[in-house]
Amino acid sequence: MAHRSMDKGGRTLFNENNSYDKVGDFLRDPYIPRKGFPEPTICPTCNAVYHHKHWHFDPKLLDEAKKNKNVKYHKCPADRKIEDKYAMGKVFLSGSFVTEHTEELINIIKSEERRAKENNPLDRLIFIDKRDGGIYAETTSDALAMRIGHHIKESFKGGKEDFNFRSGDKFVEVFWHKDI
């Protein structure tokens, strides 16, 4: 377990791995280096381009980056998390409603991922699995897991939704339960 320095309020300031550093109210993602990536950088796995300190899925940027003699190739944080199976969000859907609407719910989860990664290529699904009569999914970001939970609750007019945040890092478990 990494050592963490805390301020008087118990907020994480530093650990030796430069992960989960907290600056103000912002927790750092351990897969995103403090200094970013050199520009331009192309992810060889998904072809996302690092440009102006953000990753983008943009064919025009990709073509420009490939023509740049200084282009670097480095896996983006999302592809590294997928490879390492490093989830920052977990989604659990349960109940008789889920059993009756499994395929529809899986399609909604995949659709939310597609929409989310249009804005942020680092918001991705690691996997979706049918488990114990429910659905279990892992995501590369806490934001995508929360987005999925909110969208399902709104789409199906209710159900019991719960978010569990782990203290000191960027991880969330989203639980949604609905019976018929």
Protein backbone atom coordinates (compact mmCIF):
# COMPACT_ATOMS: atom_id res chain seq x y z
CA MET A 1 0.00 0.00 0.00
CA ALA A 2 1.37 3.38 -0.97
CA HIS A 3 2.14 5.98 1.68
CA ARG A 4 -0.04 9.07 1.44
CA SER A 5 0.70 12.50 2.86
CA MET A 6 -2.42 14.21 4.14
CA ASP A 7 -3.27 17.82 4.80
CA LYS A 8 -5.05 18.86 8.02
CA GLY A 9 -8.43 18.01 6.50
CA GLY A 10 -7.33 14.47 5.67
CA ARG A 11 -7.08 15.14 1.93
CA THR A 12 -4.48 13.19 -0.01
CA LEU A 13 -1.67 15.38 -1.31
CA PHE A 14 1.03 12.98 -2.49
CA ASN A 15 2.05 9.39 -2.74
CA GLU A 16 5.28 7.96 -4.09
CA ASN A 17 3.59 6.54 -7.20
CA ASN A 18 2.19 9.95 -8.17
CA SER A 19 -1.23 8.35 -8.25
CA TYR A 20 -4.38 9.55 -6.56
CA ASP A 21 -2.76 12.84 -5.74
CA LYS A 22 -5.33 15.34 -4.65
CA VAL A 23 -5.00 18.94 -5.65
CA GLY A 24 -7.77 20.96 -4.05
CA ASP A 25 -10.89 18.88 -4.56
CA PHE A 26 -9.57 17.07 -7.65
CA LEU A 27 -8.23 13.50 -7.43
CA ARG A 28 -5.72 12.52 -10.10
CA ASP A 29 -6.12 9.48 -12.33
CA PRO A 30 -3.12 7.17 -11.76
CA TYR A 31 -2.91 6.36 -15.49
CA ILE A 32 -2.54 9.98 -16.57
CA PRO A 33 0.98 11.34 -16.04
CA ARG A 34 1.30 14.73 -14.38
CA LYS A 35 3.15 16.21 -17.34
CA GLY A 36 0.81 14.71 -19.92
CA PHE A 37 2.12 13.24 -23.14
CA PRO A 38 4.26 14.79 -25.87
CA GLU A 39 2.22 16.30 -28.68
CA PRO A 40 1.22 14.85 -30.96
CA THR A 41 0.86 11.33 -29.53
CA ILE A 42 -1.21 8.61 -31.20
CA CYS A 43 -2.59 5.61 -29.35
CA PRO A 44 -1.60 2.58 -31.46
CA THR A 45 -4.56 0.58 -30.12
CA CYS A 46 -7.54 2.90 -30.71
CA ASN A 47 -6.03 5.73 -32.83
CA ALA A 48 -6.97 8.43 -30.33
CA VAL A 49 -4.77 11.52 -30.65
CA TYR A 50 -3.36 13.49 -27.72
CA HIS A 51 -3.73 17.15 -28.71
CA HIS A 52 -3.91 20.27 -26.50
CA LYS A 53 -3.62 18.14 -23.34
CA HIS A 54 -6.64 15.95 -24.17
CA TRP A 55 -7.29 12.72 -26.06
CA HIS A 56 -9.54 12.96 -29.15
CA PHE A 57 -11.14 10.64 -31.69
CA ASP A 58 -10.79 12.89 -34.71
CA PRO A 59 -9.85 11.56 -38.18
CA LYS A 60 -8.53 14.96 -39.26
CA LEU A 61 -6.26 15.25 -36.19
CA LEU A 62 -5.13 11.66 -36.73
CA ASP A 63 -4.11 12.38 -40.34
CA GLU A 64 -2.24 15.54 -39.28
CA ALA A 65 -0.48 13.72 -36.45
CA LYS A 66 0.62 10.85 -38.72
CA LYS A 67 2.25 13.41 -41.06
CA ASN A 68 4.16 15.04 -38.18
CA LYS A 69 7.76 13.79 -38.06
CA ASN A 70 7.80 14.21 -34.26
CA VAL A 71 4.74 12.05 -33.64
CA LYS A 72 4.98 9.65 -30.71
CA TYR A 73 3.05 6.43 -30.18
CA HIS A 74 1.84 5.59 -26.69
CA LYS A 75 -1.18 3.66 -25.46
CA CYS A 76 -3.85 6.00 -24.15
CA PRO A 77 -4.84 5.66 -20.48
CA ALA A 78 -8.13 3.95 -21.38
CA ASP A 79 -6.44 1.21 -23.42
CA ARG A 80 -3.88 0.69 -20.66
CA LYS A 81 -6.69 0.33 -18.10
CA ILE A 82 -8.53 -2.13 -20.36
CA GLU A 83 -5.33 -4.15 -20.82
CA ASP A 84 -4.63 -4.11 -17.06
CA LYS A 85 -8.32 -4.68 -16.20
CA TYR A 86 -8.06 -1.61 -13.96
CA ALA A 87 -11.62 -0.46 -13.30
CA MET A 88 -12.42 2.97 -11.90
CA GLY A 89 -16.13 2.23 -12.00
CA LYS A 90 -18.25 -0.86 -11.47
CA VAL A 91 -21.93 -1.15 -12.33
CA PHE A 92 -24.24 -3.78 -10.81
CA LEU A 93 -27.80 -4.15 -12.12
CA SER A 94 -30.14 -6.56 -10.35
CA GLY A 95 -33.76 -7.52 -9.84
CA SER A 96 -36.52 -9.28 -11.75
CA PHE A 97 -36.78 -6.29 -14.11
CA VAL A 98 -33.12 -6.79 -15.11
CA THR A 99 -33.72 -10.52 -15.71
CA GLU A 100 -36.61 -9.67 -18.05
CA HIS A 101 -34.76 -6.83 -19.90
CA THR A 102 -31.15 -8.06 -19.97
CA GLU A 103 -30.41 -7.49 -23.66
CA GLU A 104 -32.08 -4.09 -23.69
CA LEU A 105 -30.05 -2.99 -20.64
CA ILE A 106 -26.80 -4.26 -22.17
CA ASN A 107 -27.57 -2.27 -25.34
CA ILE A 108 -28.21 0.85 -23.24
CA ILE A 109 -24.87 0.41 -21.45
CA LYS A 110 -23.04 0.06 -24.79
CA SER A 111 -24.91 3.05 -26.20
CA GLU A 112 -23.96 5.20 -23.19
CA GLU A 113 -20.31 4.23 -23.72
CA ARG A 114 -20.50 5.30 -27.38
CA ARG A 115 -22.03 8.66 -26.43
CA ALA A 116 -19.58 9.25 -23.58
CA LYS A 117 -16.47 8.52 -25.61
CA GLU A 118 -17.53 11.05 -28.27
CA ASN A 119 -16.76 13.69 -25.62
CA ASN A 120 -13.99 11.83 -23.83
CA PRO A 121 -12.18 8.88 -25.47
CA LEU A 122 -11.00 7.80 -22.02
CA ASP A 123 -14.57 6.84 -20.98
CA ARG A 124 -14.75 3.16 -21.97
CA LEU A 125 -16.21 -0.16 -20.97
CA ILE A 126 -13.70 -2.77 -19.84
CA PHE A 127 -16.34 -5.51 -20.05
CA ILE A 128 -20.00 -6.40 -19.50
CA ASP A 129 -21.05 -9.73 -18.03
CA LYS A 130 -24.32 -11.44 -17.13
CA ARG A 131 -23.94 -12.58 -13.51
CA ASP A 132 -26.25 -14.10 -10.94
CA GLY A 133 -29.37 -13.07 -12.83
CA GLY A 134 -28.11 -9.51 -13.24
CA ILE A 135 -25.62 -7.47 -15.22
CA TYR A 136 -22.12 -6.48 -14.13
CA ALA A 137 -19.94 -3.97 -16.00
CA GLU A 138 -16.57 -2.35 -15.37
CA THR A 139 -15.54 1.03 -16.76
CA THR A 140 -12.29 2.95 -17.19
CA SER A 141 -13.73 6.01 -15.45
CA ASP A 142 -15.92 6.80 -12.49
CA ALA A 143 -17.81 9.29 -14.68
CA LEU A 144 -18.95 6.63 -17.17
CA ALA A 145 -20.18 4.31 -14.40
CA MET A 146 -22.22 7.15 -12.86
CA ARG A 147 -23.53 8.18 -16.29
CA ILE A 148 -24.73 4.61 -16.95
CA GLY A 149 -26.48 4.42 -13.57
CA HIS A 150 -28.26 7.76 -14.01
CA HIS A 151 -29.33 6.97 -17.57
CA ILE A 152 -30.79 3.58 -16.66
CA LYS A 153 -32.72 5.03 -13.72
CA GLU A 154 -34.14 7.80 -15.93
CA SER A 155 -34.90 5.44 -18.84
CA PHE A 156 -36.84 2.98 -16.72
CA LYS A 157 -38.55 5.46 -14.40
CA GLY A 158 -37.07 4.52 -11.10
CA GLY A 159 -35.55 1.59 -9.40
CA LYS A 160 -33.23 1.86 -6.44
CA GLU A 161 -29.93 3.52 -7.32
CA ASP A 162 -26.94 3.73 -4.99
CA PHE A 163 -23.42 5.07 -5.46
CA ASN A 164 -20.52 3.94 -3.25
CA PHE A 165 -17.42 6.12 -3.50
CA ARG A 166 -14.15 4.83 -2.13
CA SER A 167 -12.41 7.36 0.08
CA GLY A 168 -9.17 8.76 -1.29
CA ASP A 169 -9.39 7.71 -4.92
CA LYS A 170 -11.42 7.98 -8.13
CA PHE A 171 -13.50 4.82 -7.88
CA VAL A 172 -17.25 4.29 -7.72
CA GLU A 173 -19.58 1.33 -7.48
CA VAL A 174 -23.04 1.92 -8.95
CA PHE A 175 -25.90 -0.31 -7.85
CA TRP A 176 -29.31 -0.28 -9.52
CA HIS A 177 -32.11 -2.63 -8.53
CA LYS A 178 -35.63 -2.90 -9.91
CA ASP A 179 -38.25 -5.59 -9.58
CA ILE A 180 -41.32 -5.97 -11.77
